[in-house]
Structure formats: C-alpha cells, structure tokens
Amino acid sequence: MAATPSGSANDVPSSNAEALQPKLDLPSSAADGLIQKPFPKPLATAQIPAPEPLTEEQQGKYNEVLKNVSEWTTVPTSSEKNAPTAPITDDERMWLTRDCLLRYLRATKWDKAKGDDAVTRIQKTLVWRREYGMEKLTADYISIENETGKQVILGYDVNGRPCLYLIPSNQNTEKSDRQIQHLVFMLERVIDLMVPDQETLALVVNFKETPREKNASFDQAKQTLSILQNHYPERLGRALVINVPFLIHGFFKLISPFIDPVTKEKMKFNEDLRKHVPAEHLMKAMGGDVEFRYDHSVYWPAFNQLVELRQKEYRERWVQGGKQIGEYENYLRGGPQPSLSQTGEKS
C-alpha cells in the first residue's frame, strides 16, 4: 500500500509536541523576535514531496528484505569475526521501519549496486549501533560539546527538512571521539524532529571566521563520511556550505574521493541560502531573518524536552500498531497513513 501524500506543511497533523509549544514558549518564525529555542514544525508554505509509489519489481524486492529481517531473533554484538549474538531489542525492531528498509534498498540501487546488499548493510548498521553505544549518547553526556552552539537544529527548509547548522567557529573542545559522537547525537535528534513523509535533513555549514585549528581533521572527516554513508543512507537532502575559504576548498577536494556521487550532487557551495531555506526560518548570520542567539541554558533544555516528547509519541504509536517490523514512518510520526495492523498488512 502506498503512503498517503502530505503535500504541504498545512497537512501535517498536530501533536502533543505542538500542544507543548506554549508551555515551552517555542517560536514559530522570525516574527517572534529574538529566537533562542527550536521551531516545532515547518512553515505552512513548506512543500513536502509525496513518496513515489513502488514498481512491482521494487515491491517484490522490498517484500524479500522485509521477510529476511523479520526472521531475525538475534544480532551480533560486534563486527568481529564469530562475534557472539544477543536478542534483537524492541528499539532495534522499531528502527526497522518500512521506510528504513527502503532507504537501504535505494542506497544499494535495489540490490543492483556492487558490494553489500541491503540486508547485509542493514545488519551491519544494527551491529554498528550496538558497538557505538547509541544508548550512552545522552543529552547530559553530549551537553559540554554544545555549550557554545557549534551545532544547532533550528527551523525547516522549503521542503520541510529540519535544518542542522554546523558552526565550526564556535568549536569549544579539543579533538576527540566525543566530537564525532556529538554529530551522531544531533543526527539522531534531527531525525526525531522530522515530519510525516520527510525523511531527509538539510545540513547548513557556515565557515565564517573559522580558524584553521578549529576545523575537523582529515581523519575526523573520513570517519564522519563513513558513518553518514554507511549508517545514515538516504538521509541527506541537501548540504548548504557558505563562506568557504581557500583552505577549506582544498580540504573538500582532499576528501572528495571518499564522498559518494549522489551526496556530491546534494552539496551547494556559497549559494543564496534563501533559495533553500525560507527567511523566516533562516538565521540572520546565514542571510535570513531569524535573530538567533544561542544560550545553552535556554536552548538545550527546551530542545531536549521537545525531542523527548516526539520520541514518546513515536514509540506509543509503534506499540499501538502492534510493535511490527516494517511499520510506516508516516503513521509513526502522526501522519494520515494507517498502521500496518489497521490496513490488515503483516510484517
């Protein structure tokens, strides 16, 4: 069954998160004055593309992958050869949505690309999430990395993608594994704040006034690209990079061989960001109208409370739908799509 198209942000149903907006005093646009907290949803003008229906061949391939992963009862605990296994958890089953399986199928060109097939890549990501210790990446643990607002999730682009800002000039810590964990944490949170039928994010990077020593190292860049390409396939909608100095241009050329061609096509350098993000949701520092000032004591609690409520709603819907592998993300995010159990489908 094809997912119900969204059309525009006007069609995004309300949620408890939006009901919480007055309590958290969450802003809606630049018109709200000084902004220090996240916007809870896209502007009404956002055009969220409807999912494309699957062909008969694609549906058949999806059914094969779904059948395969639905039979998993255990997953290896590490990527080491002959690693012990442990039972698959509810969190892992909830992660295995219909849309998740389709993202891996698209990333493997419907299993026609060279290398791992979708099922193998999905399991590798589950193992990576176990090894990486996703449950340890809490808001408290990551907090120190974000004290200066070097990463901010704020607003949505013209297609309803949540925007993740990277501002390397605000770098406040020495190079460490936690800097990469910080990015992974924020990637997970930006996914939590996605709206029905939008499964990609907009990455906004501003290199203005960034000293060379505050930029990521070559090894950090390689590690980050590996994580993004292997474990977050089909998640990058667009990458908008501005104020790129000569040295950074050289750096991008250096890491270019490690960036897949599809990702390269999504990268835009030194463009007018208002073509991609409405001025009402774009920071003034990036050319928009939003008067944003980062205060960790204000932004961080409000941001994490909003995320926790979205997570709670998502999980409650998954439980109500029967805790099925292959559930529709549109349904889980509060969209009009019925759950698998409501449609009579089985995982």
Protein backbone atom coordinates (compact mmCIF):
# COMPACT_ATOMS: atom_id res chain seq x y z
CA MET A 1 0.00 0.00 0.00
CA ALA A 2 1.39 3.42 -0.91
CA ALA A 3 1.79 6.06 1.78
CA THR A 4 -0.64 8.94 1.76
CA PRO A 5 0.96 12.08 0.28
CA SER A 6 1.46 15.08 2.54
CA GLY A 7 1.55 17.96 0.05
CA SER A 8 2.39 20.87 2.35
CA ALA A 9 3.10 21.57 6.00
CA ASN A 10 -0.57 22.57 6.39
CA ASP A 11 -1.34 18.87 6.14
CA VAL A 12 1.00 17.89 8.99
CA PRO A 13 -1.29 16.87 11.87
CA SER A 14 -0.95 18.47 15.27
CA SER A 15 0.72 16.55 18.07
CA ASN A 16 1.33 16.79 21.78
CA ALA A 17 4.63 18.42 20.86
CA GLU A 18 2.74 21.30 19.30
CA ALA A 19 0.40 21.43 22.30
CA LEU A 20 3.54 21.82 24.42
CA GLN A 21 4.62 24.83 22.35
CA PRO A 22 3.02 27.45 24.67
CA LYS A 23 4.49 25.77 27.78
CA LEU A 24 7.99 25.72 26.31
CA ASP A 25 7.38 29.07 24.66
CA LEU A 26 8.57 27.67 21.32
CA PRO A 27 8.72 30.17 18.46
CA SER A 28 7.10 29.66 15.06
CA SER A 29 9.09 32.04 12.85
CA ALA A 30 11.40 35.06 12.78
CA ALA A 31 8.37 37.24 13.52
CA ASP A 32 8.55 36.08 17.15
CA GLY A 33 11.56 38.33 17.79
CA LEU A 34 14.72 37.07 19.50
CA ILE A 35 14.86 33.31 18.94
CA GLN A 36 16.60 31.05 21.47
CA LYS A 37 14.58 27.84 21.15
CA PRO A 38 13.82 25.45 18.25
CA PHE A 39 10.88 25.82 15.89
CA PRO A 40 8.48 22.86 16.42
CA LYS A 41 7.38 22.41 12.79
CA PRO A 42 7.88 23.70 9.22
CA LEU A 43 6.18 26.81 7.90
CA ALA A 44 2.78 26.27 6.30
CA THR A 45 4.35 27.06 2.92
CA ALA A 46 6.75 24.08 3.04
CA GLN A 47 6.24 21.71 0.12
CA ILE A 48 6.81 18.17 1.36
CA PRO A 49 7.09 15.81 -1.62
CA ALA A 50 4.80 12.80 -1.68
CA PRO A 51 6.55 9.41 -1.65
CA GLU A 52 6.88 7.81 -5.05
CA PRO A 53 4.90 4.55 -5.40
CA LEU A 54 6.96 1.38 -5.76
CA THR A 55 7.07 -0.50 -9.02
CA GLU A 56 6.05 -4.16 -9.00
CA GLU A 57 9.74 -5.16 -9.11
CA GLN A 58 10.62 -2.81 -6.25
CA GLN A 59 7.72 -4.07 -4.15
CA GLY A 60 8.92 -7.62 -4.70
CA LYS A 61 12.44 -6.73 -3.61
CA TYR A 62 11.08 -4.92 -0.55
CA ASN A 63 8.99 -7.99 0.38
CA GLU A 64 12.16 -10.13 0.22
CA VAL A 65 14.09 -7.79 2.50
CA LEU A 66 11.18 -7.46 4.94
CA LYS A 67 10.80 -11.25 5.16
CA ASN A 68 14.51 -11.64 5.80
CA VAL A 69 14.87 -9.05 8.58
CA SER A 70 11.57 -10.08 10.19
CA GLU A 71 13.09 -13.51 10.86
CA TRP A 72 15.98 -12.09 12.89
CA THR A 73 15.81 -13.06 16.54
CA THR A 74 19.42 -12.23 17.38
CA VAL A 75 22.07 -9.82 16.07
CA PRO A 76 25.87 -9.97 16.53
CA THR A 77 27.12 -7.82 19.39
CA SER A 78 30.17 -6.61 17.45
CA SER A 79 31.67 -6.60 13.98
CA GLU A 80 34.42 -9.01 14.98
CA LYS A 81 34.51 -12.36 13.23
CA ASN A 82 32.42 -15.02 15.01
CA ALA A 83 31.18 -12.40 17.49
CA PRO A 84 28.55 -13.58 19.99
CA THR A 85 24.95 -12.63 19.34
CA ALA A 86 22.26 -11.13 21.55
CA PRO A 87 18.46 -10.97 21.15
CA ILE A 88 17.15 -8.20 18.93
CA THR A 89 15.61 -5.47 21.09
CA ASP A 90 12.35 -3.56 20.79
CA ASP A 91 14.31 -0.41 19.97
CA GLU A 92 16.01 -2.23 17.10
CA ARG A 93 12.72 -3.65 15.83
CA MET A 94 11.18 -0.16 15.97
CA TRP A 95 14.16 1.18 13.97
CA LEU A 96 13.41 -1.36 11.21
CA THR A 97 10.57 0.58 9.62
CA ARG A 98 9.30 0.17 6.08
CA ASP A 99 11.00 3.43 5.15
CA CYS A 100 14.28 2.33 6.74
CA LEU A 101 14.37 -0.82 4.63
CA LEU A 102 13.54 1.22 1.52
CA ARG A 103 16.37 3.67 2.26
CA TYR A 104 18.88 0.82 2.27
CA LEU A 105 17.35 -0.62 -0.89
CA ARG A 106 17.68 2.73 -2.66
CA ALA A 107 21.24 3.08 -1.36
CA THR A 108 22.13 -0.28 -2.94
CA LYS A 109 20.29 0.62 -6.17
CA TRP A 110 17.69 -2.01 -5.28
CA ASP A 111 20.46 -4.54 -4.62
CA LYS A 112 21.97 -3.96 -8.07
CA ALA A 113 24.99 -1.98 -6.86
CA LYS A 114 28.34 -3.64 -6.32
CA GLY A 115 29.17 -4.60 -2.76
CA ASP A 116 26.82 -5.43 0.11
CA ASP A 117 23.13 -5.99 -0.48
CA ALA A 118 20.50 -4.13 1.56
CA VAL A 119 20.01 -6.89 4.14
CA THR A 120 23.75 -7.13 4.83
CA ARG A 121 24.05 -3.35 5.16
CA ILE A 122 21.05 -3.15 7.49
CA GLN A 123 22.55 -5.75 9.80
CA LYS A 124 25.94 -4.01 9.69
CA THR A 125 24.25 -0.80 10.84
CA LEU A 126 22.46 -2.58 13.69
CA VAL A 127 25.82 -4.02 14.78
CA TRP A 128 27.45 -0.60 14.47
CA ARG A 129 24.73 0.99 16.61
CA ARG A 130 25.41 -1.63 19.27
CA GLU A 131 29.17 -1.17 19.11
CA TYR A 132 28.94 2.61 19.02
CA GLY A 133 26.77 2.60 22.14
CA MET A 134 23.86 4.75 20.99
CA GLU A 135 22.19 4.45 24.41
CA LYS A 136 25.22 6.15 26.01
CA LEU A 137 24.87 9.25 23.84
CA THR A 138 22.60 11.12 26.23
CA ALA A 139 21.83 14.84 26.33
CA ASP A 140 23.82 15.14 29.57
CA TYR A 141 26.88 13.40 28.11
CA ILE A 142 26.83 15.50 24.92
CA SER A 143 25.93 18.78 26.64
CA ILE A 144 29.52 20.03 27.05
CA GLU A 145 30.10 19.73 23.30
CA ASN A 146 27.19 22.03 22.53
CA GLU A 147 27.73 24.70 25.18
CA THR A 148 28.76 27.27 22.55
CA GLY A 149 26.13 26.30 19.98
CA LYS A 150 28.53 24.87 17.41
CA GLN A 151 25.70 22.62 16.26
CA VAL A 152 22.11 23.83 16.27
CA ILE A 153 18.89 22.27 14.99
CA LEU A 154 16.70 25.19 14.02
CA GLY A 155 13.89 25.55 11.50
CA TYR A 156 12.93 23.70 8.34
CA ASP A 157 13.81 24.23 4.69
CA VAL A 158 11.39 24.89 1.82
CA ASN A 159 10.63 21.16 1.58
CA GLY A 160 10.05 20.65 5.30
CA ARG A 161 13.50 19.24 6.05
CA PRO A 162 14.77 20.04 9.56
CA CYS A 163 17.95 22.14 9.40
CA LEU A 164 21.11 21.11 11.23
CA TYR A 165 23.57 24.01 11.44
CA LEU A 166 27.28 23.36 11.85
CA ILE A 167 29.21 26.44 13.00
CA PRO A 168 32.87 25.39 13.40
CA SER A 169 33.95 28.88 14.58
CA ASN A 170 32.12 28.02 17.84
CA GLN A 171 34.30 24.96 18.42
CA ASN A 172 34.95 24.72 22.17
CA THR A 173 36.63 21.36 22.77
CA GLU A 174 39.81 19.56 21.80
CA LYS A 175 39.62 16.97 19.00
CA SER A 176 38.24 13.74 20.44
CA ASP A 177 35.87 10.85 19.78
CA ARG A 178 33.15 12.78 21.58
CA GLN A 179 33.14 15.40 18.81
CA ILE A 180 32.04 12.68 16.37
CA GLN A 181 29.59 11.33 18.94
CA HIS A 182 28.18 14.85 19.19
CA LEU A 183 27.40 14.86 15.46
CA VAL A 184 25.83 11.39 15.69
CA PHE A 185 23.69 12.56 18.62
CA MET A 186 22.48 15.58 16.64
CA LEU A 187 21.78 13.42 13.57
CA GLU A 188 19.59 11.19 15.72
CA ARG A 189 17.77 14.23 17.12
CA VAL A 190 17.20 15.83 13.72
CA ILE A 191 15.61 12.53 12.64
CA ASP A 192 13.38 12.65 15.73
CA LEU A 193 12.12 16.08 14.62
CA MET A 194 11.25 15.07 11.05
CA VAL A 195 7.63 15.43 9.97
CA PRO A 196 5.49 12.87 8.09
CA ASP A 197 6.79 11.99 4.60
CA GLN A 198 10.04 13.92 5.04
CA GLU A 199 12.93 11.56 5.80
CA THR A 200 15.88 13.78 4.87
CA LEU A 201 17.63 16.70 6.55
CA ALA A 202 19.18 19.95 5.40
CA LEU A 203 22.77 20.47 6.56
CA VAL A 204 23.85 24.12 6.79
CA VAL A 205 27.57 24.79 7.33
CA ASN A 206 28.99 28.28 7.88
CA PHE A 207 32.80 28.54 7.81
CA LYS A 208 32.84 32.30 8.52
CA GLU A 209 35.62 33.35 10.91
CA THR A 210 36.74 29.76 11.47
CA PRO A 211 40.43 29.46 12.38
CA ARG A 212 42.21 26.56 10.70
CA GLU A 213 42.79 24.77 14.01
CA LYS A 214 39.03 24.62 14.67
CA ASN A 215 38.22 22.68 11.51
CA ALA A 216 37.81 18.91 11.55
CA SER A 217 40.92 16.86 10.89
CA PHE A 218 41.24 14.68 7.79
CA ASP A 219 40.75 11.55 9.92
CA GLN A 220 37.65 13.03 11.57
CA ALA A 221 36.23 13.93 8.16
CA LYS A 222 36.83 10.39 6.85
CA GLN A 223 35.23 8.86 9.95
CA THR A 224 32.22 11.16 9.68
CA LEU A 225 31.72 10.41 5.98
CA SER A 226 31.97 6.68 6.68
CA ILE A 227 29.27 6.92 9.37
CA LEU A 228 26.98 9.05 7.20
CA GLN A 229 27.31 6.93 4.06
CA ASN A 230 27.20 3.51 5.71
CA HIS A 231 24.73 4.07 8.54
CA TYR A 232 22.58 7.05 7.51
CA PRO A 233 21.91 6.31 3.84
CA GLU A 234 19.40 8.49 2.01
CA ARG A 235 19.21 10.91 4.95
CA LEU A 236 20.97 13.94 3.45
CA GLY A 237 18.53 16.03 1.44
CA ARG A 238 20.87 18.93 0.79
CA ALA A 239 24.14 20.28 2.19
CA LEU A 240 24.49 24.06 2.06
CA VAL A 241 28.03 25.30 2.69
CA ILE A 242 28.81 29.02 2.84
CA ASN A 243 31.81 31.29 3.46
CA VAL A 244 34.14 28.56 2.22
CA PRO A 245 37.76 29.77 2.46
CA PHE A 246 40.50 28.65 0.09
CA LEU A 247 41.92 26.15 2.59
CA ILE A 248 38.51 24.52 3.09
CA HIS A 249 38.02 24.26 -0.69
CA GLY A 250 41.30 22.33 -0.75
CA PHE A 251 40.12 20.18 2.15
CA PHE A 252 36.91 19.26 0.33
CA LYS A 253 38.97 18.32 -2.73
CA LEU A 254 41.12 16.14 -0.50
CA ILE A 255 38.17 14.19 0.91
CA SER A 256 36.22 14.24 -2.38
CA PRO A 257 37.23 10.65 -3.32
CA PHE A 258 35.50 9.44 -0.14
CA ILE A 259 32.18 11.16 -0.93
CA ASP A 260 29.72 9.15 -3.00
CA PRO A 261 28.47 10.79 -6.23
CA VAL A 262 24.86 11.09 -5.01
CA THR A 263 25.98 13.05 -1.94
CA LYS A 264 28.18 15.33 -4.06
CA GLU A 265 25.16 16.31 -6.15
CA LYS A 266 23.36 17.45 -2.99
CA MET A 267 26.17 19.80 -1.93
CA LYS A 268 25.79 23.51 -2.72
CA PHE A 269 28.64 25.96 -2.11
CA ASN A 270 28.26 29.70 -1.40
CA GLU A 271 24.70 29.91 -2.75
CA ASP A 272 21.98 32.26 -1.51
CA LEU A 273 20.54 30.10 1.27
CA ARG A 274 17.15 31.78 0.98
CA LYS A 275 16.61 29.73 -2.19
CA HIS A 276 16.63 26.64 0.03
CA VAL A 277 15.51 27.79 3.50
CA PRO A 278 12.70 30.35 3.98
CA ALA A 279 13.99 33.60 5.51
CA GLU A 280 11.52 33.19 8.39
CA HIS A 281 13.39 30.01 9.46
CA LEU A 282 16.94 31.02 8.45
CA MET A 283 19.44 32.60 10.85
CA LYS A 284 20.44 36.20 10.08
CA ALA A 285 24.08 35.08 10.15
CA MET A 286 23.23 32.94 7.12
CA GLY A 287 21.26 35.62 5.28
CA GLY A 288 17.83 35.04 6.79
CA ASP A 289 15.52 36.99 9.10
CA VAL A 290 15.85 34.92 12.29
CA GLU A 291 17.51 36.88 15.11
CA PHE A 292 19.02 33.82 16.81
CA ARG A 293 21.22 33.93 19.88
CA TYR A 294 22.45 30.69 21.39
CA ASP A 295 22.14 30.38 25.15
CA HIS A 296 22.85 26.81 26.23
CA SER A 297 20.80 27.16 29.43
CA VAL A 298 17.76 28.12 27.34
CA TYR A 299 18.10 26.17 24.09
CA TRP A 300 19.37 22.81 25.35
CA PRO A 301 16.56 22.04 27.87
CA ALA A 302 13.78 23.18 25.51
CA PHE A 303 15.29 21.30 22.57
CA ASN A 304 15.64 18.05 24.51
CA GLN A 305 12.15 18.30 26.02
CA LEU A 306 10.71 18.69 22.52
CA VAL A 307 12.75 15.70 21.29
CA GLU A 308 11.72 13.53 24.26
CA LEU A 309 8.05 14.21 23.60
CA ARG A 310 8.41 13.38 19.91
CA GLN A 311 10.18 10.15 20.85
CA LYS A 312 7.42 9.28 23.32
CA GLU A 313 4.68 9.86 20.73
CA TYR A 314 6.57 7.81 18.13
CA ARG A 315 7.02 4.86 20.50
CA GLU A 316 3.40 4.98 21.67
CA ARG A 317 2.20 4.75 18.07
CA TRP A 318 4.57 1.85 17.39
CA VAL A 319 3.21 -0.03 20.41
CA GLN A 320 -0.40 0.75 19.44
CA GLY A 321 0.33 -0.52 15.92
CA GLY A 322 1.42 -3.90 17.27
CA LYS A 323 5.21 -3.34 17.51
CA GLN A 324 5.74 -4.53 13.96
CA ILE A 325 8.90 -4.52 11.89
CA GLY A 326 8.18 -2.69 8.63
CA GLU A 327 5.81 -0.12 10.16
CA TYR A 328 5.06 3.07 8.22
CA GLU A 329 7.02 6.11 9.41
CA ASN A 330 4.20 8.37 8.22
CA TYR A 331 1.94 6.68 10.79
CA LEU A 332 4.65 6.72 13.48
CA ARG A 333 5.16 10.46 13.01
CA GLY A 334 1.45 11.19 13.32
CA GLY A 335 0.59 11.34 9.63
CA PRO A 336 -2.65 10.12 7.98
CA GLN A 337 -1.20 6.77 6.87
CA PRO A 338 -2.87 3.89 8.78
CA SER A 339 -0.62 1.48 10.66
CA LEU A 340 0.17 -1.98 9.31
CA SER A 341 -2.37 -3.52 11.69
CA GLN A 342 -5.06 -1.04 10.61
CA THR A 343 -4.53 -1.90 6.95
CA GLY A 344 -4.51 -5.62 7.67
CA GLU A 345 -0.92 -5.96 6.48
CA LYS A 346 1.58 -8.07 8.37
CA SER A 347 5.31 -7.63 8.74
